[in-house]
PDB file of N, CA and C in Angstrom:
ATOM      1  N   MET A   1     133.547  31.238 -43.804  1.00  0.00           N
ATOM      2  CA  MET A   1     133.820  31.182 -42.388  1.00  0.00           C
ATOM      3  C   MET A   1     134.830  30.078 -42.114  1.00  0.00           C
ATOM      4  N   ALA A   2     135.754  30.341 -41.221  1.00  0.00           N
ATOM      5  CA  ALA A   2     136.797  29.378 -40.896  1.00  0.00           C
ATOM      6  C   ALA A   2     136.232  28.224 -40.072  1.00  0.00           C
ATOM      7  N   ASN A   3     136.721  27.020 -40.368  1.00  0.00           N
ATOM      8  CA  ASN A   3     136.255  25.838 -39.645  1.00  0.00           C
ATOM      9  C   ASN A   3     137.054  25.567 -38.380  1.00  0.00           C
ATOM     10  N   THR A   4     138.290  26.037 -38.340  1.00  0.00           N
ATOM     11  CA  THR A   4     139.145  25.777 -37.177  1.00  0.00           C
ATOM     12  C   THR A   4     139.681  27.092 -36.623  1.00  0.00           C
ATOM     13  N   ALA A   5     140.197  27.013 -35.409  1.00  0.00           N
ATOM     14  CA  ALA A   5     140.751  28.212 -34.771  1.00  0.00           C
ATOM     15  C   ALA A   5     141.969  28.715 -35.534  1.00  0.00           C
ATOM     16  N   SER A   6     142.785  27.779 -36.033  1.00  0.00           N
ATOM     17  CA  SER A   6     143.989  28.194 -36.764  1.00  0.00           C
ATOM     18  C   SER A   6     143.618  28.867 -38.090  1.00  0.00           C
ATOM     19  N   ALA A   7     142.554  28.391 -38.725  1.00  0.00           N
ATOM     20  CA  ALA A   7     142.102  29.011 -39.969  1.00  0.00           C
ATOM     21  C   ALA A   7     141.572  30.417 -39.707  1.00  0.00           C
ATOM     22  N   ALA A   8     140.888  30.588 -38.582  1.00  0.00           N
ATOM     23  CA  ALA A   8     140.383  31.916 -38.219  1.00  0.00           C
ATOM     24  C   ALA A   8     141.541  32.867 -37.957  1.00  0.00           C
ATOM     25  N   LYS A   9     142.583  32.360 -37.299  1.00  0.00           N
ATOM     26  CA  LYS A   9     143.762  33.181 -37.014  1.00  0.00           C
ATOM     27  C   LYS A   9     144.461  33.579 -38.318  1.00  0.00           C
ATOM     28  N   GLN A  10     144.561  32.643 -39.242  1.00  0.00           N
ATOM     29  CA  GLN A  10     145.158  32.942 -40.546  1.00  0.00           C
ATOM     30  C   GLN A  10     144.355  34.015 -41.278  1.00  0.00           C
ATOM     31  N   ALA A  11     143.044  33.938 -41.189  1.00  0.00           N
ATOM     32  CA  ALA A  11     142.179  34.912 -41.852  1.00  0.00           C
ATOM     33  C   ALA A  11     142.385  36.309 -41.267  1.00  0.00           C
ATOM     34  N   ARG A  12     142.546  36.386 -39.938  1.00  0.00           N
ATOM     35  CA  ARG A  12     142.793  37.688 -39.306  1.00  0.00           C
ATOM     36  C   ARG A  12     144.126  38.266 -39.763  1.00  0.00           C
ATOM     37  N   GLY A  13     145.141  37.421 -39.828  1.00  0.00           N
ATOM     38  CA  GLY A  13     146.460  37.879 -40.270  1.00  0.00           C
ATOM     39  C   GLY A  13     146.430  38.334 -41.714  1.00  0.00           C
ATOM     40  N   ALA A  14     145.703  37.584 -42.545  1.00  0.00           N
ATOM     41  CA  ALA A  14     145.597  37.933 -43.957  1.00  0.00           C
ATOM     42  C   ALA A  14     144.919  39.289 -44.128  1.00  0.00           C
ATOM     43  N   LEU A  15     143.918  39.550 -43.307  1.00  0.00           N
ATOM     44  CA  LEU A  15     143.218  40.829 -43.368  1.00  0.00           C
ATOM     45  C   LEU A  15     144.154  41.977 -43.000  1.00  0.00           C
ATOM     46  N   ARG A  16     144.952  41.792 -41.938  1.00  0.00           N
ATOM     47  CA  ARG A  16     145.911  42.824 -41.530  1.00  0.00           C
ATOM     48  C   ARG A  16     146.949  43.064 -42.626  1.00  0.00           C
ATOM     49  N   ARG A  17     147.469  41.974 -43.197  1.00  0.00           N
ATOM     50  CA  ARG A  17     148.471  42.114 -44.260  1.00  0.00           C
ATOM     51  C   ARG A  17     147.884  42.820 -45.478  1.00  0.00           C
ATOM     52  N   ARG A  18     146.625  42.503 -45.801  1.00  0.00           N
ATOM     53  CA  ARG A  18     145.982  43.131 -46.946  1.00  0.00           C
ATOM     54  C   ARG A  18     145.862  44.636 -46.755  1.00  0.00           C
ATOM     55  N   VAL A  19     145.512  45.055 -45.561  1.00  0.00           N
ATOM     56  CA  VAL A  19     145.376  46.483 -45.260  1.00  0.00           C
ATOM     57  C   VAL A  19     146.723  47.188 -45.392  1.00  0.00           C
ATOM     58  N   VAL A  20     147.770  46.581 -44.833  1.00  0.00           N
ATOM     59  CA  VAL A  20     149.103  47.186 -44.892  1.00  0.00           C
ATOM     60  C   VAL A  20     149.600  47.248 -46.328  1.00  0.00           C
ATOM     61  N   ASN A  21     149.441  46.141 -47.070  1.00  0.00           N
ATOM     62  CA  ASN A  21     149.898  46.113 -48.460  1.00  0.00           C
ATOM     63  C   ASN A  21     149.151  47.137 -49.302  1.00  0.00           C
ATOM     64  N   ARG A  22     147.860  47.263 -49.066  1.00  0.00           N
ATOM     65  CA  ARG A  22     147.043  48.229 -49.804  1.00  0.00           C
ATOM     66  C   ARG A  22     147.549  49.651 -49.552  1.00  0.00           C
ATOM     67  N   LEU A  23     147.870  49.939 -48.300  1.00  0.00           N
ATOM     68  CA  LEU A  23     148.374  51.255 -47.927  1.00  0.00           C
ATOM     69  C   LEU A  23     149.714  51.543 -48.611  1.00  0.00           C
ATOM     70  N   LEU A  24     150.613  50.564 -48.590  1.00  0.00           N
ATOM     71  CA  LEU A  24     151.920  50.736 -49.229  1.00  0.00           C
ATOM     72  C   LEU A  24     151.762  50.992 -50.725  1.00  0.00           C
ATOM     73  N   LEU A  25     150.886  50.223 -51.360  1.00  0.00           N
ATOM     74  CA  LEU A  25     150.669  50.386 -52.796  1.00  0.00           C
ATOM     75  C   LEU A  25     150.026  51.729 -53.120  1.00  0.00           C
ATOM     76  N   ASP A  26     149.060  52.138 -52.316  1.00  0.00           N
ATOM     77  CA  ASP A  26     148.385  53.413 -52.561  1.00  0.00           C
ATOM     78  C   ASP A  26     149.362  54.580 -52.459  1.00  0.00           C
ATOM     79  N   HIS A  27     150.233  54.545 -51.456  1.00  0.00           N
ATOM     80  CA  HIS A  27     151.217  55.618 -51.299  1.00  0.00           C
ATOM     81  C   HIS A  27     152.184  55.649 -52.483  1.00  0.00           C
ATOM     82  N   ALA A  28     152.607  54.477 -52.931  1.00  0.00           N
ATOM     83  CA  ALA A  28     153.537  54.409 -54.061  1.00  0.00           C
ATOM     84  C   ALA A  28     152.866  54.919 -55.338  1.00  0.00           C
ATOM     85  N   ARG A  29     151.632  54.504 -55.566  1.00  0.00           N
ATOM     86  CA  ARG A  29     150.921  54.935 -56.774  1.00  0.00           C
ATOM     87  C   ARG A  29     150.659  56.437 -56.770  1.00  0.00           C
ATOM     88  N   THR A  30     150.328  56.979 -55.612  1.00  0.00           N
ATOM     89  CA  THR A  30     150.084  58.417 -55.510  1.00  0.00           C
ATOM     90  C   THR A  30     151.348  59.194 -55.838  1.00  0.00           C
ATOM     91  N   ALA A  31     152.477  58.757 -55.291  1.00  0.00           N
ATOM     92  CA  ALA A  31     153.751  59.425 -55.575  1.00  0.00           C
ATOM     93  C   ALA A  31     154.080  59.323 -57.056  1.00  0.00           C
ATOM     94  N   GLN A  32     153.807  58.159 -57.648  1.00  0.00           N
ATOM     95  CA  GLN A  32     154.091  57.959 -59.070  1.00  0.00           C
ATOM     96  C   GLN A  32     153.211  58.871 -59.931  1.00  0.00           C
ATOM     97  N   LYS A  33     151.940  58.990 -59.587  1.00  0.00           N
ATOM     98  CA  LYS A  33     151.035  59.837 -60.357  1.00  0.00           C
ATOM     99  C   LYS A  33     151.435  61.308 -60.274  1.00  0.00           C
ATOM    100  N   LYS A  34     151.857  61.747 -59.078  1.00  0.00           N
ATOM    101  CA  LYS A  34     152.308  63.128 -58.925  1.00  0.00           C
ATOM    102  C   LYS A  34     153.516  63.397 -59.810  1.00  0.00           C
ATOM    103  N   LEU A  35     154.453  62.447 -59.802  1.00  0.00           N
ATOM    104  CA  LEU A  35     155.672  62.609 -60.579  1.00  0.00           C
ATOM    105  C   LEU A  35     155.372  62.633 -62.076  1.00  0.00           C
ATOM    106  N   ILE A  36     154.518  61.737 -62.535  1.00  0.00           N
ATOM    107  CA  ILE A  36     154.149  61.690 -63.954  1.00  0.00           C
ATOM    108  C   ILE A  36     153.438  62.981 -64.359  1.00  0.00           C
ATOM    109  N   ALA A  37     152.584  63.494 -63.482  1.00  0.00           N
ATOM    110  CA  ALA A  37     151.877  64.741 -63.780  1.00  0.00           C
ATOM    111  C   ALA A  37     152.857  65.895 -63.946  1.00  0.00           C
ATOM    112  N   LEU A  38     153.867  65.937 -63.083  1.00  0.00           N
ATOM    113  CA  LEU A  38     154.879  66.991 -63.194  1.00  0.00           C
ATOM    114  C   LEU A  38     155.689  66.840 -64.477  1.00  0.00           C
ATOM    115  N   LEU A  39     156.003  65.608 -64.843  1.00  0.00           N
ATOM    116  CA  LEU A  39     156.777  65.383 -66.065  1.00  0.00           C
ATOM    117  C   LEU A  39     155.984  65.783 -67.306  1.00  0.00           C
ATOM    118  N   THR A  40     154.696  65.463 -67.329  1.00  0.00           N
ATOM    119  CA  THR A  40     153.890  65.822 -68.495  1.00  0.00           C
ATOM    120  C   THR A  40     153.677  67.331 -68.573  1.00  0.00           C
ATOM    121  N   ALA A  41     153.746  68.000 -67.414  1.00  0.00           N
ATOM    122  CA  ALA A  41     153.623  69.460 -67.397  1.00  0.00           C
ATOM    123  C   ALA A  41     154.949  70.134 -67.742  1.00  0.00           C
ATOM    124  N   GLY A  42     156.007  69.331 -67.888  1.00  0.00           N
ATOM    125  CA  GLY A  42     157.307  69.885 -68.251  1.00  0.00           C
ATOM    126  C   GLY A  42     158.109  70.427 -67.084  1.00  0.00           C
ATOM    127  N   LYS A  43     157.752  70.046 -65.872  1.00  0.00           N
ATOM    128  CA  LYS A  43     158.457  70.539 -64.681  1.00  0.00           C
ATOM    129  C   LYS A  43     159.432  69.472 -64.188  1.00  0.00           C
ATOM    130  N   LYS A  44     160.516  69.287 -64.950  1.00  0.00           N
ATOM    131  CA  LYS A  44     161.470  68.225 -64.625  1.00  0.00           C
ATOM    132  C   LYS A  44     162.199  68.464 -63.316  1.00  0.00           C
ATOM    133  N   ASP A  45     162.501  69.725 -63.013  1.00  0.00           N
ATOM    134  CA  ASP A  45     163.242  70.002 -61.778  1.00  0.00           C
ATOM    135  C   ASP A  45     162.411  69.666 -60.537  1.00  0.00           C
ATOM    136  N   GLU A  46     161.118  69.971 -60.576  1.00  0.00           N
ATOM    137  CA  GLU A  46     160.242  69.624 -59.448  1.00  0.00           C
ATOM    138  C   GLU A  46     160.050  68.112 -59.357  1.00  0.00           C
ATOM    139  N   ALA A  47     159.960  67.474 -60.527  1.00  0.00           N
ATOM    140  CA  ALA A  47     159.804  66.020 -60.554  1.00  0.00           C
ATOM    141  C   ALA A  47     161.046  65.338 -59.988  1.00  0.00           C
ATOM    142  N   ALA A  48     162.207  65.902 -60.278  1.00  0.00           N
ATOM    143  CA  ALA A  48     163.457  65.325 -59.766  1.00  0.00           C
ATOM    144  C   ALA A  48     163.512  65.399 -58.245  1.00  0.00           C
ATOM    145  N   LYS A  49     162.890  66.419 -57.673  1.00  0.00           N
ATOM    146  CA  LYS A  49     162.863  66.537 -56.212  1.00  0.00           C
ATOM    147  C   LYS A  49     161.940  65.489 -55.586  1.00  0.00           C
ATOM    148  N   LEU A  50     160.896  65.090 -56.312  1.00  0.00           N
ATOM    149  CA  LEU A  50     159.959  64.092 -55.799  1.00  0.00           C
ATOM    150  C   LEU A  50     160.416  62.656 -56.052  1.00  0.00           C
ATOM    151  N   PHE A  51     161.393  62.487 -56.938  1.00  0.00           N
ATOM    152  CA  PHE A  51     161.836  61.140 -57.303  1.00  0.00           C
ATOM    153  C   PHE A  51     162.345  60.325 -56.108  1.00  0.00           C
ATOM    154  N   PRO A  52     163.148  60.903 -55.198  1.00  0.00           N
ATOM    155  CA  PRO A  52     163.581  60.106 -54.035  1.00  0.00           C
ATOM    156  C   PRO A  52     162.418  59.598 -53.176  1.00  0.00           C
ATOM    157  N   GLU A  53     161.355  60.380 -53.093  1.00  0.00           N
ATOM    158  CA  GLU A  53     160.186  59.933 -52.327  1.00  0.00           C
ATOM    159  C   GLU A  53     159.549  58.715 -52.994  1.00  0.00           C
ATOM    160  N   LEU A  54     159.443  58.764 -54.329  1.00  0.00           N
ATOM    161  CA  LEU A  54     158.887  57.628 -55.059  1.00  0.00           C
ATOM    162  C   LEU A  54     159.764  56.394 -54.856  1.00  0.00           C
ATOM    163  N   GLN A  55     161.076  56.576 -54.946  1.00  0.00           N
ATOM    164  CA  GLN A  55     161.991  55.454 -54.737  1.00  0.00           C
ATOM    165  C   GLN A  55     161.800  54.851 -53.347  1.00  0.00           C
ATOM    166  N   ARG A  56     161.710  55.707 -52.349  1.00  0.00           N
ATOM    167  CA  ARG A  56     161.556  55.242 -50.973  1.00  0.00           C
ATOM    168  C   ARG A  56     160.255  54.444 -50.811  1.00  0.00           C
ATOM    169  N   ARG A  57     159.191  54.960 -51.383  1.00  0.00           N
ATOM    170  CA  ARG A  57     157.902  54.283 -51.232  1.00  0.00           C
ATOM    171  C   ARG A  57     157.865  52.954 -51.993  1.00  0.00           C
ATOM    172  N   LEU A  58     158.471  52.925 -53.178  1.00  0.00           N
ATOM    173  CA  LEU A  58     158.513  51.675 -53.938  1.00  0.00           C
ATOM    174  C   LEU A  58     159.392  50.638 -53.243  1.00  0.00           C
ATOM    175  N   ASP A  59     160.526  51.092 -52.714  1.00  0.00           N
ATOM    176  CA  ASP A  59     161.417  50.168 -52.006  1.00  0.00           C
ATOM    177  C   ASP A  59     160.736  49.590 -50.771  1.00  0.00           C
ATOM    178  N   ARG A  60     159.992  50.416 -50.077  1.00  0.00           N
ATOM    179  CA  ARG A  60     159.288  49.945 -48.882  1.00  0.00           C
ATOM    180  C   ARG A  60     158.211  48.924 -49.265  1.00  0.00           C
ATOM    181  N   ALA A  61     157.506  49.176 -50.365  1.00  0.00           N
ATOM    182  CA  ALA A  61     156.481  48.233 -50.814  1.00  0.00           C
ATOM    183  C   ALA A  61     157.118  46.913 -51.252  1.00  0.00           C
ATOM    184  N   ALA A  62     158.271  46.997 -51.909  1.00  0.00           N
ATOM    185  CA  ALA A  62     158.963  45.782 -52.345  1.00  0.00           C
ATOM    186  C   ALA A  62     159.536  45.025 -51.148  1.00  0.00           C
ATOM    187  N   LYS A  63     160.033  45.751 -50.171  1.00  0.00           N
ATOM    188  CA  LYS A  63     160.594  45.112 -48.983  1.00  0.00           C
ATOM    189  C   LYS A  63     159.517  44.347 -48.217  1.00  0.00           C
ATOM    190  N   GLY A  64     158.330  44.927 -48.153  1.00  0.00           N
ATOM    191  CA  GLY A  64     157.218  44.270 -47.482  1.00  0.00           C
ATOM    192  C   GLY A  64     156.506  43.263 -48.357  1.00  0.00           C
ATOM    193  N   LYS A  65     157.010  43.059 -49.571  1.00  0.00           N
ATOM    194  CA  LYS A  65     156.469  42.103 -50.541  1.00  0.00           C
ATOM    195  C   LYS A  65     155.048  42.441 -50.969  1.00  0.00           C
ATOM    196  N   ALA A  66     154.715  43.730 -50.930  1.00  0.00           N
ATOM    197  CA  ALA A  66     153.421  44.162 -51.458  1.00  0.00           C
ATOM    198  C   ALA A  66     153.478  44.138 -52.983  1.00  0.00           C
ATOM    199  N   ILE A  67     154.663  44.426 -53.540  1.00  0.00           N
ATOM    200  CA  ILE A  67     154.905  44.283 -54.976  1.00  0.00           C
ATOM    201  C   ILE A  67     156.232  43.548 -55.146  1.00  0.00           C
ATOM    202  N   HIS A  68     156.468  43.010 -56.318  1.00  0.00           N
ATOM    203  CA  HIS A  68     157.721  42.303 -56.589  1.00  0.00           C
ATOM    204  C   HIS A  68     158.847  43.314 -56.725  1.00  0.00           C
ATOM    205  N   ARG A  69     160.041  42.931 -56.287  1.00  0.00           N
ATOM    206  CA  ARG A  69     161.177  43.865 -56.335  1.00  0.00           C
ATOM    207  C   ARG A  69     161.538  44.248 -57.762  1.00  0.00           C
ATOM    208  N   ASN A  70     161.311  43.336 -58.712  1.00  0.00           N
ATOM    209  CA  ASN A  70     161.604  43.669 -60.108  1.00  0.00           C
ATOM    210  C   ASN A  70     160.626  44.713 -60.644  1.00  0.00           C
ATOM    211  N   ARG A  71     159.385  44.646 -60.209  1.00  0.00           N
ATOM    212  CA  ARG A  71     158.405  45.656 -60.630  1.00  0.00           C
ATOM    213  C   ARG A  71     158.802  47.020 -60.090  1.00  0.00           C
ATOM    214  N   SER A  72     159.230  47.038 -58.835  1.00  0.00           N
ATOM    215  CA  SER A  72     159.698  48.284 -58.229  1.00  0.00           C
ATOM    216  C   SER A  72     160.868  48.855 -59.022  1.00  0.00           C
ATOM    217  N   ALA A  73     161.821  47.998 -59.358  1.00  0.00           N
ATOM    218  CA  ALA A  73     163.000  48.431 -60.113  1.00  0.00           C
ATOM    219  C   ALA A  73     162.608  48.931 -61.497  1.00  0.00           C
ATOM    220  N   ARG A  74     161.658  48.259 -62.122  1.00  0.00           N
ATOM    221  CA  ARG A  74     161.225  48.643 -63.468  1.00  0.00           C
ATOM    222  C   ARG A  74     160.561  50.021 -63.466  1.00  0.00           C
ATOM    223  N   ILE A  75     159.720  50.275 -62.474  1.00  0.00           N
ATOM    224  CA  ILE A  75     159.051  51.575 -62.375  1.00  0.00           C
ATOM    225  C   ILE A  75     160.078  52.680 -62.160  1.00  0.00           C
ATOM    226  N   LYS A  76     161.021  52.445 -61.227  1.00  0.00           N
ATOM    227  CA  LYS A  76     162.054  53.450 -60.939  1.00  0.00           C
ATOM    228  C   LYS A  76     162.907  53.718 -62.165  1.00  0.00           C
ATOM    229  N   SER A  77     163.234  52.663 -62.906  1.00  0.00           N
ATOM    230  CA  SER A  77     164.065  52.817 -64.097  1.00  0.00           C
ATOM    231  C   SER A  77     163.356  53.645 -65.169  1.00  0.00           C
ATOM    232  N   ARG A  78     162.091  53.366 -65.380  1.00  0.00           N
ATOM    233  CA  ARG A  78     161.341  54.093 -66.415  1.00  0.00           C
ATOM    234  C   ARG A  78     161.197  55.574 -66.065  1.00  0.00           C
ATOM    235  N   ILE A  79     160.965  55.851 -64.791  1.00  0.00           N
ATOM    236  CA  ILE A  79     160.851  57.248 -64.361  1.00  0.00           C
ATOM    237  C   ILE A  79     162.201  57.943 -64.491  1.00  0.00           C
ATOM    238  N   ALA A  80     163.272  57.239 -64.119  1.00  0.00           N
ATOM    239  CA  ALA A  80     164.615  57.824 -64.198  1.00  0.00           C
ATOM    240  C   ALA A  80     164.966  58.183 -65.635  1.00  0.00           C
ATOM    241  N   HIS A  81     164.568  57.337 -66.580  1.00  0.00           N
ATOM    242  CA  HIS A  81     164.826  57.636 -67.993  1.00  0.00           C
ATOM    243  C   HIS A  81     164.048  58.873 -68.447  1.00  0.00           C
ATOM    244  N   LYS A  82     162.845  59.037 -67.928  1.00  0.00           N
ATOM    245  CA  LYS A  82     162.044  60.209 -68.294  1.00  0.00           C
ATOM    246  C   LYS A  82     162.609  61.487 -67.681  1.00  0.00           C
ATOM    247  N   LEU A  83     163.312  61.345 -66.558  1.00  0.00           N
ATOM    248  CA  LEU A  83     163.885  62.520 -65.894  1.00  0.00           C
ATOM    249  C   LEU A  83     165.141  63.030 -66.597  1.00  0.00           C
ATOM    250  N   ARG A  84     165.739  62.218 -67.440  1.00  0.00           N
ATOM    251  CA  ARG A  84     166.976  62.635 -68.116  1.00  0.00           C
ATOM    252  C   ARG A  84     166.729  63.697 -69.145  1.00  0.00           C
TER     253      ARG A  84
END
């Protein structure tokens, strides 16, 4: 429990940020799992259509600092290599 009003306010903000970050990460992971599933099934053309969505979701998560921008870049790079 917070001892001061400012600490309580910080706790509320942290809770809101945690919810938003969790949502951004969940959307990115879901898109990544769909893409990987398509690649393992050998459906590269369908996976290529979903790749921009994954990029958009990862970029949004990195922009909001839910994940590090280098991690976002690394994931996109690895998927792009698999799409070739």
